[in-house]
Amino acid sequence: MLDKLEAIRDRYYYLEEQLSDPAVLADMNKYKKIGKEYKDLKEIVEVYQTYRDLLGNIETSQEMLKEEDAEMREMAQLELDDLLPQKEELEERIKFLLIPKDPNDAKDVIFEIRSGTGGDEASIFAGDLYKMYSKYFDTQGWRTETLSINEGTVGGYNKLVLEITGEDVFGKLKFESGAHRVQRVPKTESQGRVHTSAATVVVMPKLEMEDIDINKADLTRQTFRSSGAGGQHVNKTESGVRFIHEPTGAVAESTDGRSQIKNAEIAMNRLINKIREAQITAHQNKVASKRRNLVGTGDRSDKIRTYNYPQNRVTDHRLEGSIKNFNLDKVVTGDLEPIIEALQIEENAEKLKAQEQD
């Protein structure tokens, strides 16, 4: 572990030098990339320095135990009794800091909400989820751009596509992908009966071709006219974009944006995600558990989270015991941080377990 920490510290100081290099300062993209890595390494370097100082103090105390003076030995033992538990705590913290981070955690996302099973109530629930997430985005200081809206007939949305940009967006929102179920008396219910409806959330990191090494020569681009609702612009111009990746046969398209440029960006992101998912399935089955099968079909039984209004409770079904339940009144007003933190802890525990088994 010490060798690994030394290498990280050396990398940290190298990046520190790079940040003052005129060539790096002149390249804004490179400067941001180096700055991000430097910031990510800072905490572990600081903890490592504390750990080294602690080891030095322990070594000094152990040497003092060899002294002939009984009082000195007693002082040394008291010091060790205090230092050794600190050493264990720091080592546990370092283990978690050394857990490999998902490189996509820092990326922006394409965020989709769709109504699922439940008719009009599902659309209304999709609208409630949008309100909830909007409040959470605001607390995080993230920027939101609406790419596509398909409103429900009695309120809410059949489909909503957003682009969310900010710091560590995917790292927090990746746990939201999946079927969300609601249990409540719908506004459309005249006899006061509790109904169950669902909506699905899909969170895709915004990736670049370089992220999975796609050759531009292997891509076929097609444009087409969108169909369905969207007004004259959508139907009369070839704003829809489709990409085909010839080596894999993967196809992705988009008509969500108003412009061909925006649709090309969305379609490319979807294509990259498709290819990336295929690579994960083919080559990384042993770590597939870290990317749970969250999205599902939108059916009520295929759920990651239930919003139970009569009991004022939100249950995340990926968590266990008492930590899986949260106060609904707080959650629907955008207080998602406790749920996300619990899921991050669960993910890190799984990664640590896998790391110790390797």
Protein backbone atom coordinates (compact mmCIF):
# COMPACT_ATOMS: atom_id res chain seq x y z
CA MET A 1 0.00 0.00 0.00
CA LEU A 2 2.85 2.38 0.83
CA ASP A 3 4.39 1.94 -2.64
CA LYS A 4 1.05 2.82 -4.20
CA LEU A 5 0.70 5.90 -2.01
CA GLU A 6 4.24 7.02 -2.85
CA ALA A 7 3.43 6.76 -6.57
CA ILE A 8 0.26 8.82 -6.06
CA ARG A 9 2.20 11.48 -4.16
CA ASP A 10 4.84 11.64 -6.93
CA ARG A 11 2.08 12.00 -9.52
CA TYR A 12 0.47 14.78 -7.45
CA TYR A 13 3.68 16.83 -7.32
CA TYR A 14 4.28 16.24 -11.03
CA LEU A 15 0.79 17.59 -11.83
CA GLU A 16 1.48 20.56 -9.56
CA GLU A 17 4.50 21.42 -11.71
CA GLN A 18 2.48 20.94 -14.90
CA LEU A 19 -0.12 23.48 -13.76
CA SER A 20 2.54 26.19 -13.83
CA ASP A 21 3.97 25.11 -17.20
CA PRO A 22 3.37 27.84 -19.85
CA ALA A 23 2.55 25.21 -22.48
CA VAL A 24 -0.18 23.78 -20.27
CA LEU A 25 -1.51 27.23 -19.34
CA ALA A 26 -1.88 27.97 -23.05
CA ASP A 27 -4.03 24.87 -23.61
CA MET A 28 -7.25 25.38 -21.64
CA ASN A 29 -8.57 21.83 -22.20
CA LYS A 30 -5.30 20.29 -21.04
CA TYR A 31 -5.14 22.67 -18.08
CA LYS A 32 -8.68 21.70 -16.97
CA LYS A 33 -7.92 17.99 -17.32
CA ILE A 34 -4.70 18.24 -15.28
CA GLY A 35 -6.40 20.49 -12.73
CA LYS A 36 -9.19 17.95 -12.26
CA GLU A 37 -6.74 15.08 -11.66
CA TYR A 38 -4.68 17.26 -9.30
CA LYS A 39 -7.79 18.12 -7.28
CA ASP A 40 -8.85 14.46 -7.15
CA LEU A 41 -5.47 13.40 -5.73
CA LYS A 42 -5.22 16.16 -3.14
CA GLU A 43 -7.22 14.48 -0.37
CA ILE A 44 -5.38 11.17 -0.53
CA VAL A 45 -1.98 12.94 -0.58
CA GLU A 46 -2.94 14.95 2.52
CA VAL A 47 -4.16 11.81 4.31
CA TYR A 48 -0.98 9.98 3.31
CA GLN A 49 1.15 12.76 4.80
CA THR A 50 -0.79 12.50 8.05
CA TYR A 51 -0.31 8.73 7.96
CA ARG A 52 3.46 9.05 7.45
CA ASP A 53 3.73 11.47 10.37
CA LEU A 54 1.74 9.05 12.49
CA LEU A 55 4.03 6.14 11.56
CA GLY A 56 7.01 8.28 12.55
CA ASN A 57 5.50 9.02 15.95
CA ILE A 58 4.70 5.34 16.50
CA GLU A 59 8.28 4.39 15.64
CA THR A 60 9.60 6.97 18.12
CA SER A 61 7.32 5.67 20.87
CA GLN A 62 8.36 2.08 20.19
CA GLU A 63 12.00 3.11 20.57
CA MET A 64 11.17 4.79 23.87
CA LEU A 65 9.81 1.47 25.16
CA LYS A 66 13.39 0.21 25.12
CA GLU A 67 14.50 2.92 27.58
CA GLU A 68 15.61 1.88 31.06
CA ASP A 69 13.65 4.73 32.65
CA ALA A 70 10.29 3.28 33.78
CA GLU A 71 8.56 6.67 33.52
CA MET A 72 9.71 7.08 29.92
CA ARG A 73 8.42 3.61 29.06
CA GLU A 74 5.07 4.42 30.67
CA MET A 75 4.79 7.65 28.65
CA ALA A 76 5.69 5.75 25.49
CA GLN A 77 3.02 3.12 26.15
CA LEU A 78 0.36 5.77 26.75
CA GLU A 79 1.37 7.42 23.49
CA LEU A 80 1.11 4.12 21.61
CA ASP A 81 -2.29 3.38 23.14
CA ASP A 82 -3.46 6.64 21.55
CA LEU A 83 -1.61 6.35 18.22
CA LEU A 84 -2.31 2.74 17.22
CA PRO A 85 -6.14 3.17 17.00
CA GLN A 86 -5.53 6.30 14.89
CA LYS A 87 -3.34 4.21 12.59
CA GLU A 88 -6.11 1.65 12.09
CA GLU A 89 -8.66 4.38 11.35
CA LEU A 90 -6.37 6.06 8.82
CA GLU A 91 -5.64 2.76 7.10
CA GLU A 92 -9.37 2.12 6.67
CA ARG A 93 -9.85 5.61 5.27
CA ILE A 94 -6.92 5.14 2.87
CA LYS A 95 -8.41 1.84 1.65
CA PHE A 96 -11.58 3.66 0.61
CA LEU A 97 -9.64 6.53 -0.97
CA LEU A 98 -7.69 4.00 -3.04
CA ILE A 99 -10.87 2.47 -4.47
CA PRO A 100 -10.73 3.13 -8.25
CA LYS A 101 -13.12 5.88 -9.28
CA ASP A 102 -15.41 5.55 -12.25
CA PRO A 103 -13.87 7.95 -14.80
CA ASN A 104 -17.38 8.83 -15.93
CA ASP A 105 -18.38 10.19 -12.50
CA ALA A 106 -17.11 13.68 -13.38
CA LYS A 107 -19.03 13.82 -16.67
CA ASP A 108 -22.19 15.74 -17.53
CA VAL A 109 -25.31 13.74 -18.39
CA ILE A 110 -28.29 13.31 -20.67
CA PHE A 111 -31.21 12.81 -18.28
CA GLU A 112 -34.49 11.24 -19.45
CA ILE A 113 -37.79 10.82 -17.60
CA ARG A 114 -40.59 8.77 -19.22
CA SER A 115 -44.01 7.81 -17.97
CA GLY A 116 -44.47 4.06 -17.54
CA THR A 117 -47.33 1.85 -16.42
CA GLY A 118 -50.32 3.72 -15.05
CA GLY A 119 -51.80 5.89 -17.79
CA ASP A 120 -52.41 9.56 -16.97
CA GLU A 121 -51.24 9.12 -13.38
CA ALA A 122 -47.86 7.88 -14.67
CA SER A 123 -47.46 11.10 -16.67
CA ILE A 124 -48.38 13.18 -13.63
CA PHE A 125 -45.84 11.23 -11.56
CA ALA A 126 -43.17 11.82 -14.23
CA GLY A 127 -43.90 15.53 -13.80
CA ASP A 128 -43.52 15.24 -10.03
CA LEU A 129 -40.16 13.51 -10.49
CA TYR A 130 -39.07 16.38 -12.73
CA LYS A 131 -39.98 18.91 -10.01
CA MET A 132 -38.10 16.85 -7.42
CA TYR A 133 -34.97 16.54 -9.54
CA SER A 134 -35.07 20.22 -10.56
CA LYS A 135 -34.89 21.24 -6.90
CA TYR A 136 -32.00 18.83 -6.35
CA PHE A 137 -30.13 20.18 -9.40
CA ASP A 138 -30.51 23.69 -7.97
CA THR A 139 -29.03 22.69 -4.61
CA GLN A 140 -26.01 21.24 -6.45
CA GLY A 141 -25.52 24.38 -8.54
CA TRP A 142 -25.88 22.42 -11.80
CA ARG A 143 -27.10 23.92 -15.08
CA THR A 144 -30.09 22.39 -16.87
CA GLU A 145 -31.03 22.60 -20.54
CA THR A 146 -34.33 21.15 -21.74
CA LEU A 147 -33.82 19.20 -24.96
CA SER A 148 -37.26 17.67 -25.48
CA ILE A 149 -40.70 17.81 -23.86
CA ASN A 150 -43.74 15.64 -24.58
CA GLU A 151 -46.51 16.67 -22.19
CA GLY A 152 -49.20 14.36 -20.83
CA THR A 153 -52.86 14.88 -21.67
CA VAL A 154 -53.90 15.77 -18.09
CA GLY A 155 -50.59 17.14 -16.82
CA GLY A 156 -47.05 15.98 -16.27
CA TYR A 157 -44.96 14.47 -19.07
CA ASN A 158 -44.90 11.42 -21.28
CA LYS A 159 -41.23 12.10 -21.96
CA LEU A 160 -38.73 14.72 -20.87
CA VAL A 161 -35.07 14.94 -21.96
CA LEU A 162 -32.59 17.22 -20.18
CA GLU A 163 -28.90 17.97 -20.36
CA ILE A 164 -27.33 18.49 -16.92
CA THR A 165 -23.90 20.10 -16.59
CA GLY A 166 -21.81 20.77 -13.50
CA GLU A 167 -19.38 19.09 -11.11
CA ASP A 168 -19.53 15.29 -10.61
CA VAL A 169 -22.99 15.10 -12.18
CA PHE A 170 -22.94 11.46 -13.33
CA GLY A 171 -21.25 10.36 -10.10
CA LYS A 172 -24.38 11.34 -8.19
CA LEU A 173 -27.15 10.85 -10.73
CA LYS A 174 -26.09 7.40 -12.01
CA PHE A 175 -28.02 5.79 -9.15
CA GLU A 176 -31.28 7.32 -10.39
CA SER A 177 -31.52 5.16 -13.53
CA GLY A 178 -34.40 2.74 -13.29
CA ALA A 179 -38.11 2.32 -12.63
CA HIS A 180 -39.61 4.60 -9.96
CA ARG A 181 -42.95 3.47 -8.54
CA VAL A 182 -45.55 5.65 -6.83
CA GLN A 183 -48.41 4.54 -4.54
CA ARG A 184 -51.05 7.20 -3.86
CA VAL A 185 -54.59 8.35 -4.59
CA PRO A 186 -54.34 9.92 -8.07
CA LYS A 187 -55.89 13.28 -8.90
CA THR A 188 -57.87 11.39 -11.54
CA GLU A 189 -59.34 8.95 -8.97
CA SER A 190 -62.88 9.83 -7.86
CA GLN A 191 -63.37 7.11 -5.19
CA GLY A 192 -60.23 7.68 -3.11
CA ARG A 193 -58.50 4.40 -3.98
CA VAL A 194 -54.72 4.08 -3.86
CA HIS A 195 -53.20 3.32 -7.26
CA THR A 196 -49.72 2.19 -8.26
CA SER A 197 -48.03 3.79 -11.27
CA ALA A 198 -44.48 4.06 -12.56
CA ALA A 199 -42.05 6.22 -14.48
CA THR A 200 -38.54 5.43 -15.69
CA VAL A 201 -35.38 7.50 -15.40
CA VAL A 202 -32.36 7.01 -17.66
CA VAL A 203 -29.05 8.75 -16.89
CA MET A 204 -26.34 8.62 -19.57
CA PRO A 205 -22.88 10.14 -19.13
CA LYS A 206 -21.93 12.50 -21.93
CA LEU A 207 -19.05 10.68 -23.57
CA GLU A 208 -16.71 11.51 -26.43
CA MET A 209 -15.54 9.16 -29.17
CA GLU A 210 -12.10 9.19 -27.58
CA ASP A 211 -13.56 7.65 -24.43
CA ILE A 212 -13.97 4.29 -26.17
CA ASP A 213 -11.73 4.81 -29.20
CA ILE A 214 -14.27 4.97 -32.04
CA ASN A 215 -12.81 5.46 -35.50
CA LYS A 216 -14.70 8.15 -37.44
CA ALA A 217 -14.20 6.12 -40.62
CA ASP A 218 -16.37 3.35 -39.11
CA LEU A 219 -19.38 5.67 -38.70
CA THR A 220 -22.24 6.27 -41.12
CA ARG A 221 -24.30 9.40 -40.51
CA GLN A 222 -27.86 9.79 -41.78
CA THR A 223 -30.33 12.66 -41.45
CA PHE A 224 -34.11 12.37 -41.65
CA ARG A 225 -37.32 14.21 -40.95
CA SER A 226 -38.86 13.67 -37.54
CA SER A 227 -42.39 12.36 -37.24
CA GLY A 228 -45.09 13.01 -34.68
CA ALA A 229 -45.66 16.04 -32.45
CA GLY A 230 -43.14 18.83 -32.51
CA GLY A 231 -44.47 21.52 -34.80
CA GLN A 232 -43.60 22.58 -38.32
CA HIS A 233 -39.86 22.83 -37.67
CA VAL A 234 -39.57 19.17 -36.72
CA ASN A 235 -41.63 17.88 -39.62
CA LYS A 236 -40.29 20.05 -42.45
CA THR A 237 -36.55 19.94 -41.84
CA GLU A 238 -34.18 16.99 -41.65
CA SER A 239 -33.29 17.64 -38.01
CA GLY A 240 -33.23 13.97 -36.99
CA VAL A 241 -29.79 12.34 -36.94
CA ARG A 242 -28.87 8.66 -36.99
CA PHE A 243 -25.41 7.12 -36.54
CA ILE A 244 -24.47 3.57 -37.51
CA HIS A 245 -21.28 1.96 -36.22
CA GLU A 246 -20.36 -0.47 -38.99
CA PRO A 247 -18.05 -2.87 -37.03
CA THR A 248 -20.67 -3.60 -34.34
CA GLY A 249 -23.90 -2.74 -36.16
CA ALA A 250 -24.88 -0.45 -33.29
CA VAL A 251 -27.45 2.20 -34.29
CA ALA A 252 -28.47 5.32 -32.38
CA GLU A 253 -30.60 8.29 -33.38
CA SER A 254 -32.19 11.39 -31.93
CA THR A 255 -35.05 13.74 -32.71
CA ASP A 256 -35.11 15.19 -29.18
CA GLY A 257 -33.33 18.45 -29.99
CA ARG A 258 -34.61 21.24 -32.21
CA SER A 259 -31.45 21.48 -34.28
CA GLN A 260 -29.53 18.93 -36.30
CA ILE A 261 -26.38 19.86 -34.38
CA LYS A 262 -27.96 19.09 -31.02
CA ASN A 263 -29.49 15.85 -32.31
CA ALA A 264 -26.12 14.77 -33.68
CA GLU A 265 -24.61 15.32 -30.23
CA ILE A 266 -27.36 13.33 -28.49
CA ALA A 267 -27.29 10.51 -31.06
CA MET A 268 -23.50 10.23 -30.81
CA ASN A 269 -23.71 10.08 -27.02
CA ARG A 270 -26.29 7.29 -27.26
CA LEU A 271 -24.15 5.38 -29.75
CA ILE A 272 -21.07 5.66 -27.53
CA ASN A 273 -23.07 4.40 -24.57
CA LYS A 274 -24.41 1.46 -26.61
CA ILE A 275 -20.92 0.43 -27.69
CA ARG A 276 -19.57 0.94 -24.19
CA GLU A 277 -22.34 -1.21 -22.70
CA ALA A 278 -21.59 -3.95 -25.24
CA GLN A 279 -17.93 -3.86 -24.25
CA ILE A 280 -18.82 -4.09 -20.56
CA THR A 281 -21.11 -7.07 -21.21
CA ALA A 282 -18.50 -8.86 -23.30
CA HIS A 283 -15.35 -8.12 -21.33
CA GLN A 284 -16.24 -7.09 -17.79
CA ASN A 285 -18.91 -9.52 -16.57
CA LYS A 286 -17.03 -10.00 -13.31
CA VAL A 287 -17.70 -6.38 -12.34
CA ALA A 288 -21.16 -6.09 -13.87
CA SER A 289 -22.68 -5.84 -10.39
CA LYS A 290 -21.35 -2.31 -10.01
CA ARG A 291 -23.51 -1.19 -12.93
CA ARG A 292 -26.84 -2.63 -11.84
CA ASN A 293 -29.56 -3.43 -14.28
CA LEU A 294 -31.40 -0.30 -13.23
CA VAL A 295 -33.55 0.77 -16.12
CA GLY A 296 -35.87 -2.17 -16.65
CA THR A 297 -39.12 -2.00 -18.57
CA GLY A 298 -41.09 0.65 -16.69
CA ASP A 299 -43.40 -1.99 -15.25
CA ARG A 300 -44.58 -1.45 -11.67
CA SER A 301 -42.89 -4.66 -10.47
CA ASP A 302 -39.51 -3.74 -11.99
CA LYS A 303 -38.56 -0.99 -9.56
CA ILE A 304 -35.58 0.60 -7.83
CA ARG A 305 -37.55 2.98 -5.64
CA THR A 306 -41.11 3.33 -4.29
CA TYR A 307 -42.74 6.63 -3.27
CA ASN A 308 -45.49 5.67 -0.81
CA TYR A 309 -47.66 8.75 -0.13
CA PRO A 310 -50.11 7.23 2.42
CA GLN A 311 -47.16 6.20 4.62
CA ASN A 312 -45.04 9.29 3.82
CA ARG A 313 -42.14 6.98 2.96
CA VAL A 314 -39.66 6.53 0.11
CA THR A 315 -38.04 3.10 -0.10
CA ASP A 316 -34.93 2.43 -2.18
CA HIS A 317 -35.00 -1.30 -2.91
CA ARG A 318 -31.24 -1.56 -3.53
CA LEU A 319 -30.54 -0.79 0.12
CA GLU A 320 -31.18 -3.05 3.09
CA GLY A 321 -32.52 -2.69 6.61
CA SER A 322 -33.60 0.61 8.12
CA ILE A 323 -31.32 2.66 5.85
CA LYS A 324 -33.52 1.90 2.83
CA ASN A 325 -36.43 4.12 4.03
CA PHE A 326 -36.54 7.92 3.80
CA ASN A 327 -39.02 10.70 4.60
CA LEU A 328 -41.15 11.34 1.51
CA ASP A 329 -41.92 14.98 2.34
CA LYS A 330 -38.18 15.76 2.30
CA VAL A 331 -37.34 13.67 -0.76
CA VAL A 332 -39.98 15.19 -3.05
CA THR A 333 -38.67 18.67 -2.20
CA GLY A 334 -35.27 17.71 -3.59
CA ASP A 335 -33.54 16.30 -0.49
CA LEU A 336 -31.97 13.36 -2.36
CA GLU A 337 -28.52 13.58 -0.81
CA PRO A 338 -29.15 11.01 1.99
CA ILE A 339 -30.31 8.41 -0.57
CA ILE A 340 -27.42 9.11 -2.93
CA GLU A 341 -24.86 8.99 -0.10
CA ALA A 342 -26.23 5.62 1.08
CA LEU A 343 -25.95 4.22 -2.45
CA GLN A 344 -22.41 5.58 -2.84
CA ILE A 345 -21.39 3.89 0.41
CA GLU A 346 -22.93 0.63 -0.82
CA GLU A 347 -21.10 0.90 -4.14
CA ASN A 348 -17.77 1.63 -2.43
CA ALA A 349 -18.24 -1.33 -0.07
CA GLU A 350 -18.78 -3.61 -3.08
CA LYS A 351 -15.70 -2.20 -4.82
CA LEU A 352 -13.59 -2.64 -1.67
CA LYS A 353 -14.77 -6.22 -1.30
CA ALA A 354 -13.90 -6.97 -4.93
CA GLN A 355 -10.52 -5.25 -4.51
CA GLU A 356 -9.66 -7.38 -1.47
CA GLN A 357 -10.64 -10.58 -3.34
CA ASP A 358 -8.41 -9.78 -6.35
